[in-house]
C-alpha cells in the first residue's frame, strides 16, 4: 500500500488493513448463543498490560495438578502423562518465560517443563500438551536438533517438529471436548491456529475413524504449512544459525541428512497409526514443506549457505597449499643432472 499525501504536501503513513481484525472479531463472535464464547483467547491477545507487566497483574493461577487432572481425561494426554517417559518429569511454573519450554534431562537435572502461570487456562492446557509431546519424542529418540542438519534441511526439520506438537495439542483438545471439557478447544479455535484446528475438526466429524487412522492428524499437519505461520519459526532457527557460538557457518563437520526414517519416528503416536508414514499425495520430505517464501528469511538463509560454502572452499585451498609446501624440492639432483649433461656435450 502506497503512502498517502495530505493537502499540505506531507507524506502520511498508510492506514492499516482492518479486514483481518474484522474477520477475527466476526469469528470470535460466532459462538454459542451469538456471544463471545472465546473471550479468554481474545482477552489475552488484547490485554497488553498483562503481557508487559505480569508481575503486578492480578491472576488466578491454575495449579499444575488441576491441569494434569484435566488432561488425564484425554486418552492421548493420559499416555503422555503416565508413560515411562514421564516418570522423572517435572512440570513447574516460571513467570520469566513467555509461554512454555521443555528442558531435556541432563547430568544435574531431570526432564523439566516450565509454563508461564499468567496464561489463560485453555492456553496452559494446550502448552502443556505440546511440551508433553516433546518429552515423549525425546524419550523415543525423535526430538533431534535441527542444527545438526544442513540449512535447508534444518528449516524442514524445525517446521515438522512445530507442526507435530501443534497437531498433538489439537488432537488432545478435541478429545477433551468430546469428554465435555472444552476450554482447551475453545482457546484453539479463537487463536491464530484456528484454521488448523478447523481442518482437524472437519476430518474428525466427517469420519470418526480418521482420529485413529492418521487422516485427521495428517490433514492438520499439512494445514500448518499453509499461510505465513512458518515465518516466525524460520526466523528463530535462522537466528540460531547466525548466533551459534559453536560456529554453525564455520563448522566443516559432516552433518546428518534428512531421511524418511526420521519422519517415521516423528509421526509415531501413543495411540493410532503413524500419520507421517501413511500414503498421501506428498511425502513429508517434499520441497513444498521446506520452501522459504519470506524474502528476509530467504536472504539470510542464502547468506548462511554462501558463507558455509565459502568457508569450505577456503579450508580446501589451505589444505592444498599446505600439501604443496610440504613437498621438498631436491635442487642438488637438478644441479648434478645439469653438470652431467654439460660434460656429455663437451665430449
C-alpha atoms as a PDB file:
ATOM      1  CA  UNK A   1       0.000   0.000   0.000  1.00  0.00           C
ATOM      2  CA  UNK A   2       1.489   3.331  -1.069  1.00  0.00           C
ATOM      3  CA  UNK A   3       1.907   6.268   1.291  1.00  0.00           C
ATOM      4  CA  UNK A   4      -0.739   9.000   1.151  1.00  0.00           C
ATOM      5  CA  UNK A   5      -0.116  12.743   0.687  1.00  0.00           C
ATOM      6  CA  UNK A   6      -2.273  15.240   2.569  1.00  0.00           C
ATOM      7  CA  UNK A   7      -3.356  18.693   1.374  1.00  0.00           C
ATOM      8  CA  UNK A   8      -0.173  20.288   2.782  1.00  0.00           C
ATOM      9  CA  UNK A   9       2.004  18.024   0.693  1.00  0.00           C
ATOM     10  CA  UNK A  10       3.278  15.984   3.633  1.00  0.00           C
ATOM     11  CA  UNK A  11       3.540  12.210   3.359  1.00  0.00           C
ATOM     12  CA  UNK A  12       1.448  10.269   5.835  1.00  0.00           C
ATOM     13  CA  UNK A  13       1.676   6.601   6.699  1.00  0.00           C
ATOM     14  CA  UNK A  14      -0.977   4.321   5.167  1.00  0.00           C
ATOM     15  CA  UNK A  15      -3.815   3.121   7.322  1.00  0.00           C
ATOM     16  CA  UNK A  16      -3.650  -0.486   8.494  1.00  0.00           C
ATOM     17  CA  UNK A  17      -5.845  -3.030   6.780  1.00  0.00           C
ATOM     18  CA  UNK A  18      -8.809  -3.639   9.099  1.00  0.00           C
ATOM     19  CA  UNK A  19     -10.236  -6.615   7.241  1.00  0.00           C
ATOM     20  CA  UNK A  20      -8.134  -9.124   9.188  1.00  0.00           C
ATOM     21  CA  UNK A  21      -9.278  -7.632  12.501  1.00  0.00           C
ATOM     22  CA  UNK A  22     -12.911  -7.710  11.390  1.00  0.00           C
ATOM     23  CA  UNK A  23     -12.619 -11.340  10.290  1.00  0.00           C
ATOM     24  CA  UNK A  24     -11.091 -12.355  13.622  1.00  0.00           C
ATOM     25  CA  UNK A  25     -13.737 -10.449  15.570  1.00  0.00           C
ATOM     26  CA  UNK A  26     -16.505 -11.976  13.499  1.00  0.00           C
ATOM     27  CA  UNK A  27     -15.152 -15.492  14.013  1.00  0.00           C
ATOM     28  CA  UNK A  28     -14.922 -14.984  17.757  1.00  0.00           C
ATOM     29  CA  UNK A  29     -18.474 -13.669  17.951  1.00  0.00           C
ATOM     30  CA  UNK A  30     -19.919 -16.666  16.105  1.00  0.00           C
ATOM     31  CA  UNK A  31     -20.040 -18.734  19.245  1.00  0.00           C
ATOM     32  CA  UNK A  32     -22.899 -20.309  21.142  1.00  0.00           C
ATOM     33  CA  UNK A  33     -25.948 -18.059  21.516  1.00  0.00           C
ATOM     34  CA  UNK A  34     -24.101 -15.394  19.456  1.00  0.00           C
ATOM     35  CA  UNK A  35     -21.934 -14.246  22.349  1.00  0.00           C
ATOM     36  CA  UNK A  36     -18.161 -14.010  22.704  1.00  0.00           C
ATOM     37  CA  UNK A  37     -17.587 -17.682  23.551  1.00  0.00           C
ATOM     38  CA  UNK A  38     -13.809 -17.438  23.162  1.00  0.00           C
ATOM     39  CA  UNK A  39     -13.374 -14.453  25.458  1.00  0.00           C
ATOM     40  CA  UNK A  40     -10.348 -15.953  27.242  1.00  0.00           C
ATOM     41  CA  UNK A  41      -8.388 -16.041  23.991  1.00  0.00           C
ATOM     42  CA  UNK A  42      -9.419 -12.537  22.975  1.00  0.00           C
ATOM     43  CA  UNK A  43      -8.689 -11.042  26.396  1.00  0.00           C
ATOM     44  CA  UNK A  44      -5.166 -12.480  26.401  1.00  0.00           C
ATOM     45  CA  UNK A  45      -4.356 -11.188  22.935  1.00  0.00           C
ATOM     46  CA  UNK A  46      -5.726  -7.688  23.580  1.00  0.00           C
ATOM     47  CA  UNK A  47      -4.631  -7.100  27.171  1.00  0.00           C
ATOM     48  CA  UNK A  48      -1.128  -5.689  26.621  1.00  0.00           C
ATOM     49  CA  UNK A  49      -0.745  -4.774  30.272  1.00  0.00           C
ATOM     50  CA  UNK A  50      -0.990  -8.425  31.322  1.00  0.00           C
ATOM     51  CA  UNK A  51       1.759  -9.270  28.867  1.00  0.00           C
ATOM     52  CA  UNK A  52       4.151  -6.444  29.668  1.00  0.00           C
ATOM     53  CA  UNK A  53       3.607  -6.281  33.422  1.00  0.00           C
ATOM     54  CA  UNK A  54       2.743  -9.790  34.542  1.00  0.00           C
ATOM     55  CA  UNK A  55       4.397  -9.284  37.928  1.00  0.00           C
ATOM     56  CA  UNK A  56       1.793  -6.763  39.059  1.00  0.00           C
ATOM     57  CA  UNK A  57      -1.194  -8.134  37.155  1.00  0.00           C
ATOM     58  CA  UNK A  58      -3.683  -9.988  39.348  1.00  0.00           C
ATOM     59  CA  UNK A  59      -4.242 -13.542  38.158  1.00  0.00           C
ATOM     60  CA  UNK A  60      -5.988 -16.633  39.408  1.00  0.00           C
ATOM     61  CA  UNK A  61      -3.174 -19.107  38.827  1.00  0.00           C
ATOM     62  CA  UNK A  62      -4.355 -22.613  37.990  1.00  0.00           C
ATOM     63  CA  UNK A  63      -2.455 -25.321  39.829  1.00  0.00           C
ATOM     64  CA  UNK A  64      -0.300 -27.791  37.931  1.00  0.00           C
ATOM     65  CA  UNK A  65      -2.232 -30.685  39.440  1.00  0.00           C
ATOM     66  CA  UNK A  66      -5.500 -29.266  38.112  1.00  0.00           C
ATOM     67  CA  UNK A  67      -4.048 -29.015  34.609  1.00  0.00           C
ATOM     68  CA  UNK A  68      -2.837 -32.606  34.788  1.00  0.00           C
ATOM     69  CA  UNK A  69      -6.213 -33.785  36.086  1.00  0.00           C
ATOM     70  CA  UNK A  70      -7.967 -32.195  33.122  1.00  0.00           C
ATOM     71  CA  UNK A  71      -5.509 -33.651  30.587  1.00  0.00           C
ATOM     72  CA  UNK A  72      -5.948 -37.101  32.098  1.00  0.00           C
ATOM     73  CA  UNK A  73      -9.447 -37.085  30.582  1.00  0.00           C
ATOM     74  CA  UNK A  74      -7.814 -37.331  27.146  1.00  0.00           C
ATOM     75  CA  UNK A  75      -6.605 -40.766  26.061  1.00  0.00           C
ATOM     76  CA  UNK A  76      -3.577 -39.345  24.253  1.00  0.00           C
ATOM     77  CA  UNK A  77      -2.610 -36.979  27.065  1.00  0.00           C
ATOM     78  CA  UNK A  78      -3.045 -39.724  29.649  1.00  0.00           C
ATOM     79  CA  UNK A  79      -0.371 -41.805  27.894  1.00  0.00           C
ATOM     80  CA  UNK A  80       1.944 -38.796  27.697  1.00  0.00           C
ATOM     81  CA  UNK A  81       1.483 -38.168  31.439  1.00  0.00           C
ATOM     82  CA  UNK A  82       1.702 -41.720  32.754  1.00  0.00           C
ATOM     83  CA  UNK A  83       4.122 -43.496  30.423  1.00  0.00           C
ATOM     84  CA  UNK A  84       7.736 -44.388  31.290  1.00  0.00           C
ATOM     85  CA  UNK A  85       8.890 -41.119  29.698  1.00  0.00           C
ATOM     86  CA  UNK A  86       7.067 -39.163  32.452  1.00  0.00           C
ATOM     87  CA  UNK A  87       8.468 -40.971  35.488  1.00  0.00           C
ATOM     88  CA  UNK A  88      11.147 -38.342  36.198  1.00  0.00           C
ATOM     89  CA  UNK A  89       9.407 -35.415  34.504  1.00  0.00           C
ATOM     90  CA  UNK A  90       8.838 -32.189  36.456  1.00  0.00           C
ATOM     91  CA  UNK A  91       6.236 -29.555  35.498  1.00  0.00           C
ATOM     92  CA  UNK A  92       6.718 -26.156  37.148  1.00  0.00           C
ATOM     93  CA  UNK A  93       5.662 -22.543  36.695  1.00  0.00           C
ATOM     94  CA  UNK A  94       8.140 -19.887  35.579  1.00  0.00           C
ATOM     95  CA  UNK A  95       6.917 -16.325  35.025  1.00  0.00           C
ATOM     96  CA  UNK A  96      10.114 -15.363  33.192  1.00  0.00           C
ATOM     97  CA  UNK A  97       9.319 -17.366  30.067  1.00  0.00           C
ATOM     98  CA  UNK A  98       6.747 -16.049  27.580  1.00  0.00           C
ATOM     99  CA  UNK A  99       4.827 -19.311  27.131  1.00  0.00           C
ATOM    100  CA  UNK A 100       6.399 -22.726  27.761  1.00  0.00           C
ATOM    101  CA  UNK A 101       9.674 -24.600  27.445  1.00  0.00           C
ATOM    102  CA  UNK A 102      10.877 -28.204  27.564  1.00  0.00           C
ATOM    103  CA  UNK A 103      14.301 -28.930  29.046  1.00  0.00           C
ATOM    104  CA  UNK A 104      15.599 -32.439  28.299  1.00  0.00           C
ATOM    105  CA  UNK A 105      17.289 -34.380  31.088  1.00  0.00           C
ATOM    106  CA  UNK A 106      20.949 -33.649  31.824  1.00  0.00           C
ATOM    107  CA  UNK A 107      23.563 -34.829  34.302  1.00  0.00           C
ATOM    108  CA  UNK A 108      22.440 -32.413  37.015  1.00  0.00           C
ATOM    109  CA  UNK A 109      18.670 -32.343  36.371  1.00  0.00           C
ATOM    110  CA  UNK A 110      15.683 -34.375  35.273  1.00  0.00           C
ATOM    111  CA  UNK A 111      13.460 -33.518  32.335  1.00  0.00           C
ATOM    112  CA  UNK A 112      11.517 -30.322  33.119  1.00  0.00           C
ATOM    113  CA  UNK A 113       8.588 -28.469  31.594  1.00  0.00           C
ATOM    114  CA  UNK A 114       8.092 -24.816  32.518  1.00  0.00           C
ATOM    115  CA  UNK A 115       4.885 -22.849  31.964  1.00  0.00           C
ATOM    116  CA  UNK A 116       4.019 -19.187  32.296  1.00  0.00           C
ATOM    117  CA  UNK A 117       1.408 -19.086  35.104  1.00  0.00           C
ATOM    118  CA  UNK A 118      -0.279 -15.957  33.745  1.00  0.00           C
ATOM    119  CA  UNK A 119      -1.513 -17.571  30.531  1.00  0.00           C
ATOM    120  CA  UNK A 120      -5.233 -18.364  30.224  1.00  0.00           C
ATOM    121  CA  UNK A 121      -6.306 -21.786  31.426  1.00  0.00           C
ATOM    122  CA  UNK A 122      -7.194 -23.023  27.947  1.00  0.00           C
ATOM    123  CA  UNK A 123      -3.810 -21.925  26.627  1.00  0.00           C
ATOM    124  CA  UNK A 124      -1.989 -23.599  29.534  1.00  0.00           C
ATOM    125  CA  UNK A 125      -3.662 -26.897  28.676  1.00  0.00           C
ATOM    126  CA  UNK A 126      -2.514 -26.616  25.058  1.00  0.00           C
ATOM    127  CA  UNK A 127       1.002 -25.564  26.012  1.00  0.00           C
ATOM    128  CA  UNK A 128       1.381 -28.416  28.472  1.00  0.00           C
ATOM    129  CA  UNK A 129       0.148 -30.860  25.826  1.00  0.00           C
ATOM    130  CA  UNK A 130       2.792 -29.601  23.384  1.00  0.00           C
ATOM    131  CA  UNK A 131       5.636 -29.915  25.864  1.00  0.00           C
ATOM    132  CA  UNK A 132       4.465 -33.391  26.922  1.00  0.00           C
ATOM    133  CA  UNK A 133       4.678 -34.379  23.264  1.00  0.00           C
ATOM    134  CA  UNK A 134       8.245 -33.040  23.087  1.00  0.00           C
ATOM    135  CA  UNK A 135       9.146 -35.055  26.166  1.00  0.00           C
ATOM    136  CA  UNK A 136       7.623 -38.151  24.546  1.00  0.00           C
ATOM    137  CA  UNK A 137       9.566 -37.509  21.331  1.00  0.00           C
ATOM    138  CA  UNK A 138      12.820 -37.041  23.241  1.00  0.00           C
ATOM    139  CA  UNK A 139      12.309 -40.289  25.135  1.00  0.00           C
ATOM    140  CA  UNK A 140      11.792 -42.179  21.867  1.00  0.00           C
ATOM    141  CA  UNK A 141      14.742 -40.550  20.091  1.00  0.00           C
ATOM    142  CA  UNK A 142      12.690 -38.455  17.662  1.00  0.00           C
ATOM    143  CA  UNK A 143      13.411 -34.987  19.086  1.00  0.00           C
ATOM    144  CA  UNK A 144      16.559 -34.273  17.084  1.00  0.00           C
ATOM    145  CA  UNK A 145      18.326 -30.918  16.991  1.00  0.00           C
ATOM    146  CA  UNK A 146      17.603 -29.121  13.667  1.00  0.00           C
ATOM    147  CA  UNK A 147      21.052 -27.520  13.924  1.00  0.00           C
ATOM    148  CA  UNK A 148      22.577 -30.931  13.197  1.00  0.00           C
ATOM    149  CA  UNK A 149      21.422 -30.648   9.573  1.00  0.00           C
ATOM    150  CA  UNK A 150      22.290 -28.512   6.578  1.00  0.00           C
ATOM    151  CA  UNK A 151      20.467 -25.147   6.404  1.00  0.00           C
ATOM    152  CA  UNK A 152      17.624 -26.178   4.067  1.00  0.00           C
ATOM    153  CA  UNK A 153      17.059 -29.427   5.917  1.00  0.00           C
ATOM    154  CA  UNK A 154      17.248 -27.667   9.288  1.00  0.00           C
ATOM    155  CA  UNK A 155      14.330 -25.483   8.162  1.00  0.00           C
ATOM    156  CA  UNK A 156      12.343 -28.595   7.229  1.00  0.00           C
ATOM    157  CA  UNK A 157      13.054 -30.463  10.478  1.00  0.00           C
ATOM    158  CA  UNK A 158      12.225 -27.448  12.632  1.00  0.00           C
ATOM    159  CA  UNK A 159       8.937 -26.867  10.812  1.00  0.00           C
ATOM    160  CA  UNK A 160       7.992 -30.541  11.086  1.00  0.00           C
ATOM    161  CA  UNK A 161       8.599 -30.553  14.838  1.00  0.00           C
ATOM    162  CA  UNK A 162       6.491 -27.419  15.333  1.00  0.00           C
ATOM    163  CA  UNK A 163       3.669 -28.827  13.208  1.00  0.00           C
ATOM    164  CA  UNK A 164       3.763 -32.117  15.124  1.00  0.00           C
ATOM    165  CA  UNK A 165       3.381 -30.627  18.603  1.00  0.00           C
ATOM    166  CA  UNK A 166       0.589 -28.334  17.411  1.00  0.00           C
ATOM    167  CA  UNK A 167      -1.251 -31.259  15.862  1.00  0.00           C
ATOM    168  CA  UNK A 168      -0.974 -33.298  19.076  1.00  0.00           C
ATOM    169  CA  UNK A 169      -2.312 -30.420  21.173  1.00  0.00           C
ATOM    170  CA  UNK A 170      -5.246 -30.111  18.760  1.00  0.00           C
ATOM    171  CA  UNK A 171      -5.927 -33.850  18.998  1.00  0.00           C
ATOM    172  CA  UNK A 172      -5.867 -33.676  22.796  1.00  0.00           C
ATOM    173  CA  UNK A 173      -8.113 -30.606  22.786  1.00  0.00           C
ATOM    174  CA  UNK A 174     -10.611 -32.421  20.575  1.00  0.00           C
ATOM    175  CA  UNK A 175     -10.588 -35.494  22.827  1.00  0.00           C
ATOM    176  CA  UNK A 176     -11.229 -33.261  25.835  1.00  0.00           C
ATOM    177  CA  UNK A 177     -14.101 -31.563  24.021  1.00  0.00           C
ATOM    178  CA  UNK A 178     -15.674 -34.927  23.275  1.00  0.00           C
ATOM    179  CA  UNK A 179     -15.464 -35.612  27.015  1.00  0.00           C
ATOM    180  CA  UNK A 180     -17.271 -32.384  27.891  1.00  0.00           C
ATOM    181  CA  UNK A 181     -14.210 -30.225  28.697  1.00  0.00           C
ATOM    182  CA  UNK A 182     -13.996 -27.534  26.009  1.00  0.00           C
ATOM    183  CA  UNK A 183     -11.599 -24.941  27.460  1.00  0.00           C
ATOM    184  CA  UNK A 184      -8.567 -26.090  25.504  1.00  0.00           C
ATOM    185  CA  UNK A 185     -10.541 -26.413  22.273  1.00  0.00           C
ATOM    186  CA  UNK A 186     -12.260 -23.040  22.671  1.00  0.00           C
ATOM    187  CA  UNK A 187      -8.892 -21.365  23.007  1.00  0.00           C
ATOM    188  CA  UNK A 188      -7.573 -23.132  19.896  1.00  0.00           C
ATOM    189  CA  UNK A 189     -10.457 -22.068  17.661  1.00  0.00           C
ATOM    190  CA  UNK A 190     -10.061 -18.488  18.880  1.00  0.00           C
ATOM    191  CA  UNK A 191      -6.305 -18.400  18.241  1.00  0.00           C
ATOM    192  CA  UNK A 192      -4.321 -17.734  15.045  1.00  0.00           C
ATOM    193  CA  UNK A 193      -4.171 -21.539  14.606  1.00  0.00           C
ATOM    194  CA  UNK A 194      -7.946 -21.781  14.228  1.00  0.00           C
ATOM    195  CA  UNK A 195      -7.740 -22.889  10.591  1.00  0.00           C
ATOM    196  CA  UNK A 196      -5.553 -25.858  11.569  1.00  0.00           C
ATOM    197  CA  UNK A 197      -7.997 -26.763  14.335  1.00  0.00           C
ATOM    198  CA  UNK A 198     -10.966 -26.481  11.997  1.00  0.00           C
ATOM    199  CA  UNK A 199      -9.247 -28.721   9.448  1.00  0.00           C
ATOM    200  CA  UNK A 200      -8.821 -31.404  12.104  1.00  0.00           C
ATOM    201  CA  UNK A 201     -12.426 -30.924  13.246  1.00  0.00           C
ATOM    202  CA  UNK A 202     -13.852 -31.286   9.726  1.00  0.00           C
ATOM    203  CA  UNK A 203     -11.962 -34.536   9.177  1.00  0.00           C
ATOM    204  CA  UNK A 204     -12.982 -35.921  12.569  1.00  0.00           C
ATOM    205  CA  UNK A 205     -16.657 -35.047  12.094  1.00  0.00           C
ATOM    206  CA  UNK A 206     -16.760 -36.394   8.552  1.00  0.00           C
ATOM    207  CA  UNK A 207     -15.335 -39.772   9.554  1.00  0.00           C
ATOM    208  CA  UNK A 208     -14.687 -40.668  13.193  1.00  0.00           C
ATOM    209  CA  UNK A 209     -12.203 -43.339  12.057  1.00  0.00           C
ATOM    210  CA  UNK A 210      -9.841 -40.556  10.942  1.00  0.00           C
ATOM    211  CA  UNK A 211      -8.950 -39.954  14.613  1.00  0.00           C
ATOM    212  CA  UNK A 212      -7.023 -43.239  14.780  1.00  0.00           C
ATOM    213  CA  UNK A 213      -6.093 -43.963  11.160  1.00  0.00           C
ATOM    214  CA  UNK A 214      -3.998 -40.783  10.912  1.00  0.00           C
ATOM    215  CA  UNK A 215      -6.055 -38.901   8.313  1.00  0.00           C
ATOM    216  CA  UNK A 216      -7.191 -36.103  10.631  1.00  0.00           C
ATOM    217  CA  UNK A 217      -3.700 -35.720  12.068  1.00  0.00           C
ATOM    218  CA  UNK A 218      -2.111 -35.586   8.606  1.00  0.00           C
ATOM    219  CA  UNK A 219      -4.655 -33.024   7.393  1.00  0.00           C
ATOM    220  CA  UNK A 220      -3.866 -30.743  10.338  1.00  0.00           C
ATOM    221  CA  UNK A 221      -0.115 -31.310   9.834  1.00  0.00           C
ATOM    222  CA  UNK A 222      -0.331 -30.263   6.175  1.00  0.00           C
ATOM    223  CA  UNK A 223      -2.514 -27.266   7.004  1.00  0.00           C
ATOM    224  CA  UNK A 224       0.189 -25.913   9.332  1.00  0.00           C
ATOM    225  CA  UNK A 225       2.491 -25.280   6.348  1.00  0.00           C
ATOM    226  CA  UNK A 226      -0.030 -23.051   4.596  1.00  0.00           C
ATOM    227  CA  UNK A 227      -0.299 -19.301   5.086  1.00  0.00           C
ATOM    228  CA  UNK A 228       2.688 -17.451   6.597  1.00  0.00           C
ATOM    229  CA  UNK A 229       2.757 -19.092  10.047  1.00  0.00           C
ATOM    230  CA  UNK A 230       6.100 -20.778   9.313  1.00  0.00           C
ATOM    231  CA  UNK A 231       7.785 -17.373   9.022  1.00  0.00           C
ATOM    232  CA  UNK A 232       8.366 -16.908  12.752  1.00  0.00           C
ATOM    233  CA  UNK A 233       9.733 -20.441  13.188  1.00  0.00           C
ATOM    234  CA  UNK A 234      12.105 -19.985  10.240  1.00  0.00           C
ATOM    235  CA  UNK A 235      13.295 -16.685  11.688  1.00  0.00           C
ATOM    236  CA  UNK A 236      14.122 -18.264  15.036  1.00  0.00           C
ATOM    237  CA  UNK A 237      16.126 -21.169  13.618  1.00  0.00           C
ATOM    238  CA  UNK A 238      17.982 -18.829  11.227  1.00  0.00           C
ATOM    239  CA  UNK A 239      18.929 -16.579  14.142  1.00  0.00           C
ATOM    240  CA  UNK A 240      20.250 -19.628  15.966  1.00  0.00           C
ATOM    241  CA  UNK A 241      22.428 -20.430  12.956  1.00  0.00           C
ATOM    242  CA  UNK A 242      23.800 -16.887  12.858  1.00  0.00           C
ATOM    243  CA  UNK A 243      24.398 -16.638  16.614  1.00  0.00           C
ATOM    244  CA  UNK A 244      25.602 -20.186  17.261  1.00  0.00           C
ATOM    245  CA  UNK A 245      28.730 -19.955  19.398  1.00  0.00           C
ATOM    246  CA  UNK A 246      29.854 -23.386  18.184  1.00  0.00           C
ATOM    247  CA  UNK A 247      30.190 -21.889  14.708  1.00  0.00           C
ATOM    248  CA  UNK A 248      27.379 -23.334  12.609  1.00  0.00           C
ATOM    249  CA  UNK A 249      28.535 -21.491   9.497  1.00  0.00           C
ATOM    250  CA  UNK A 250      32.221 -22.241  10.079  1.00  0.00           C
ATOM    251  CA  UNK A 251      31.976 -25.853  11.188  1.00  0.00           C
ATOM    252  CA  UNK A 252      33.046 -28.257   8.453  1.00  0.00           C
ATOM    253  CA  UNK A 253      31.925 -31.459  10.146  1.00  0.00           C
ATOM    254  CA  UNK A 254      29.733 -33.781   8.147  1.00  0.00           C
ATOM    255  CA  UNK A 255      26.131 -33.189   9.150  1.00  0.00           C
ATOM    256  CA  UNK A 256      23.211 -35.592   9.236  1.00  0.00           C
ATOM    257  CA  UNK A 257      20.916 -35.968   6.267  1.00  0.00           C
ATOM    258  CA  UNK A 258      17.140 -35.939   6.444  1.00  0.00           C
ATOM    259  CA  UNK A 259      15.641 -39.354   5.761  1.00  0.00           C
ATOM    260  CA  UNK A 260      12.178 -40.850   5.739  1.00  0.00           C
ATOM    261  CA  UNK A 261      13.153 -42.834   8.817  1.00  0.00           C
ATOM    262  CA  UNK A 262      13.362 -39.588  10.793  1.00  0.00           C
ATOM    263  CA  UNK A 263       9.811 -38.617   9.828  1.00  0.00           C
ATOM    264  CA  UNK A 264       8.526 -42.079  10.637  1.00  0.00           C
ATOM    265  CA  UNK A 265       9.866 -41.667  14.176  1.00  0.00           C
ATOM    266  CA  UNK A 266       8.369 -38.177  14.360  1.00  0.00           C
ATOM    267  CA  UNK A 267       4.945 -39.411  13.259  1.00  0.00           C
ATOM    268  CA  UNK A 268       4.603 -42.174  15.850  1.00  0.00           C
ATOM    269  CA  UNK A 269       1.581 -41.686  18.091  1.00  0.00           C
ATOM    270  CA  UNK A 270       0.759 -43.127  21.531  1.00  0.00           C
ATOM    271  CA  UNK A 271      -2.497 -44.429  20.038  1.00  0.00           C
ATOM    272  CA  UNK A 272      -3.387 -44.936  16.398  1.00  0.00           C
ATOM    273  CA  UNK A 273      -1.413 -45.221  13.186  1.00  0.00           C
ATOM    274  CA  UNK A 274       1.714 -43.293  12.249  1.00  0.00           C
ATOM    275  CA  UNK A 275       0.308 -40.260  10.428  1.00  0.00           C
ATOM    276  CA  UNK A 276       3.548 -39.456   8.565  1.00  0.00           C
ATOM    277  CA  UNK A 277       4.099 -42.948   7.164  1.00  0.00           C
ATOM    278  CA  UNK A 278       0.618 -43.266   5.656  1.00  0.00           C
ATOM    279  CA  UNK A 279       0.105 -42.955   1.915  1.00  0.00           C
ATOM    280  CA  UNK A 280      -0.509 -39.368   0.861  1.00  0.00           C
ATOM    281  CA  UNK A 281      -0.214 -37.111  -2.149  1.00  0.00           C
ATOM    282  CA  UNK A 282       3.120 -35.743  -0.888  1.00  0.00           C
ATOM    283  CA  UNK A 283       5.815 -37.249   1.272  1.00  0.00           C
ATOM    284  CA  UNK A 284       6.968 -35.326   4.378  1.00  0.00           C
ATOM    285  CA  UNK A 285      10.259 -34.673   2.548  1.00  0.00           C
ATOM    286  CA  UNK A 286       8.590 -32.853  -0.355  1.00  0.00           C
ATOM    287  CA  UNK A 287      10.141 -29.484  -1.211  1.00  0.00           C
ATOM    288  CA  UNK A 288       6.828 -27.707  -0.593  1.00  0.00           C
ATOM    289  CA  UNK A 289       7.296 -28.309   3.140  1.00  0.00           C
ATOM    290  CA  UNK A 290      10.673 -26.538   3.160  1.00  0.00           C
ATOM    291  CA  UNK A 291      10.155 -23.647   0.732  1.00  0.00           C
ATOM    292  CA  UNK A 292      11.029 -20.296   2.347  1.00  0.00           C
ATOM    293  CA  UNK A 293       8.810 -17.633   0.771  1.00  0.00           C
ATOM    294  CA  UNK A 294       9.544 -14.762   3.136  1.00  0.00           C
ATOM    295  CA  UNK A 295      12.146 -12.582   1.431  1.00  0.00           C
ATOM    296  CA  UNK A 296      14.012 -11.600   4.592  1.00  0.00           C
ATOM    297  CA  UNK A 297      14.368 -15.189   5.800  1.00  0.00           C
ATOM    298  CA  UNK A 298      15.301 -16.354   2.301  1.00  0.00           C
ATOM    299  CA  UNK A 299      18.076 -13.744   2.080  1.00  0.00           C
ATOM    300  CA  UNK A 300      19.539 -14.706   5.449  1.00  0.00           C
ATOM    301  CA  UNK A 301      19.333 -18.391   4.548  1.00  0.00           C
ATOM    302  CA  UNK A 302      21.166 -17.697   1.284  1.00  0.00           C
ATOM    303  CA  UNK A 303      23.847 -15.821   3.191  1.00  0.00           C
ATOM    304  CA  UNK A 304      24.316 -18.753   5.589  1.00  0.00           C
ATOM    305  CA  UNK A 305      24.677 -21.230   2.754  1.00  0.00           C
ATOM    306  CA  UNK A 306      27.062 -18.908   0.899  1.00  0.00           C
ATOM    307  CA  UNK A 307      29.203 -18.383   3.997  1.00  0.00           C
ATOM    308  CA  UNK A 308      29.378 -22.122   4.654  1.00  0.00           C
ATOM    309  CA  UNK A 309      30.362 -22.762   1.040  1.00  0.00           C
ATOM    310  CA  UNK A 310      32.978 -20.001   1.191  1.00  0.00           C
ATOM    311  CA  UNK A 311      34.461 -21.374   4.408  1.00  0.00           C
ATOM    312  CA  UNK A 312      34.612 -24.864   2.932  1.00  0.00           C
ATOM    313  CA  UNK A 313      36.386 -23.614  -0.216  1.00  0.00           C
ATOM    314  CA  UNK A 314      38.822 -21.590   1.876  1.00  0.00           C
ATOM    315  CA  UNK A 315      39.688 -24.613   4.008  1.00  0.00           C
ATOM    316  CA  UNK A 316      40.199 -26.679   0.874  1.00  0.00           C
ATOM    317  CA  UNK A 317      42.605 -24.092  -0.554  1.00  0.00           C
ATOM    318  CA  UNK A 318      44.562 -24.022   2.731  1.00  0.00           C
ATOM    319  CA  UNK A 319      44.875 -27.807   2.731  1.00  0.00           C
ATOM    320  CA  UNK A 320      46.106 -27.805  -0.858  1.00  0.00           C
ATOM    321  CA  UNK A 321      48.662 -25.036  -0.199  1.00  0.00           C
ATOM    322  CA  UNK A 322      49.994 -26.862   2.859  1.00  0.00           C
ATOM    323  CA  UNK A 323      50.330 -30.043   0.828  1.00  0.00           C
ATOM    324  CA  UNK A 324      52.324 -28.241  -1.891  1.00  0.00           C
ATOM    325  CA  UNK A 325      54.586 -26.500   0.625  1.00  0.00           C
ATOM    326  CA  UNK A 326      55.346 -29.832   2.266  1.00  0.00           C
ATOM    327  CA  UNK A 327      56.877 -31.198  -0.921  1.00  0.00           C
ATOM    328  CA  UNK A 328      60.666 -30.539  -0.601  1.00  0.00           C
ATOM    329  CA  UNK A 329      62.412 -29.944  -3.907  1.00  0.00           C
ATOM    330  CA  UNK A 330      65.891 -31.572  -4.207  1.00  0.00           C
ATOM    331  CA  UNK A 331      67.873 -28.881  -6.088  1.00  0.00           C
ATOM    332  CA  UNK A 332      71.144 -30.861  -5.840  1.00  0.00           C
ATOM    333  CA  UNK A 333      69.629 -33.507  -8.063  1.00  0.00           C
ATOM    334  CA  UNK A 334      68.929 -30.923 -10.755  1.00  0.00           C
ATOM    335  CA  UNK A 335      72.460 -29.472 -10.395  1.00  0.00           C
ATOM    336  CA  UNK A 336      74.023 -32.937 -10.793  1.00  0.00           C
ATOM    337  CA  UNK A 337      71.934 -33.632 -13.871  1.00  0.00           C
ATOM    338  CA  UNK A 338      72.913 -30.273 -15.379  1.00  0.00           C
ATOM    339  CA  UNK A 339      76.670 -30.907 -14.903  1.00  0.00           C
ATOM    340  CA  UNK A 340      76.420 -34.352 -16.425  1.00  0.00           C
ATOM    341  CA  UNK A 341      74.563 -33.065 -19.457  1.00  0.00           C
ATOM    342  CA  UNK A 342      77.250 -30.346 -19.935  1.00  0.00           C
ATOM    343  CA  UNK A 343      80.031 -32.931 -19.797  1.00  0.00           C
ATOM    344  CA  UNK A 344      78.296 -35.026 -22.437  1.00  0.00           C
ATOM    345  CA  UNK A 345      78.104 -32.012 -24.746  1.00  0.00           C
ATOM    346  CA  UNK A 346      81.888 -31.398 -24.430  1.00  0.00           C
ATOM    347  CA  UNK A 347      82.660 -34.967 -25.388  1.00  0.00           C
END
